Amino acid sequence: MIDDAAADILARFDAGEHFPDVWRGRFDLMDGYRVQLAIADLRTARGDRRIGWKVGLTAEAIQKMEGFDEPIFACLFASGRLESGAALRHADMRDPAFENELCITLGAPLAGPNVTAAAARAAIATVAPALEIVERRGRLADAPPLGVADNLGQKAFVTGAPIALAAGFVLGEAACDVQVNGISVSQGKGVAVLGDPARSVAWLANKLAAFGRRIEAGEPIMSGSFTVPTALNPGDRVVSRFTPFGEVAATIV
């Protein structure tokens, strides 16, 4: 069933159909992850490549709103990796929005199921300011397994320059200021991400273990957002400044 669902859902995704009714209620959340990972393998086989991971629902209030009691994960692909200053076509996206996150890279593999936040923190090599570009393709709370299979709306991720994580710095103390077209629209802190983005990395490693996976050294990990998602419109220029990690920018054309 997993392989059949993956092939069919990917074909429908390519045709612009999301959260297909034909699969509604036919698998649970854990199978939703299995479908997501099978789709990632299919995308890799045809020329794209899964290169990393994203963690979502890292704020308790958002978890409750969507009907979850823990975060969720999805895949990052080579085709969606962009550098700061990138221009994205609004017409190529479906109801897009952005989130303000840290892109974390490990210096060594990290395998669950018993990874602590301290162990995750010790494994971090670099941190970069980042924007996650998401498409609002359906409401996760309406069909959680289909939302997970649909890769949580992940479209792209834009990263600034990575820097080494300073000894003793607590990621929960990082802060960001978000500007759209020169106007400050929101602020956030790392504490919004499970209290500390290192806990996000630990949660991911432990969750992946249930699927026989681990975080590999060098894989980018989108930590979870410091702020609520912000809609993107044609002509928008977004600049998010993260203290102490620098800034990341993108333009919508």
Foldseek 3Di string as FASTA:
>chain_A
DLLVVLVVQVVCVVVVAAPDPVCFPVDDQVSLLSNQVSNQVVVVVVPKHFQAKEKEPQACVVCVVLVHDHIAMFTAIPVQEAEFAAEAEPVVAAQKWKFKFKWWFFQFWFADQDDDLVNLVVRTFKIWTKIWIFHCNDRCSVGVSRCSSVRVRGDHMYTYDIDGDDPPDFQQAKKKFKDKPRHTDDIFGCCSRNHGLSVQQNVVNSVCVVVVDIGGGPGIYTRYGRDDIGTDDAAIKMWMQMVPRGIGIYHYD
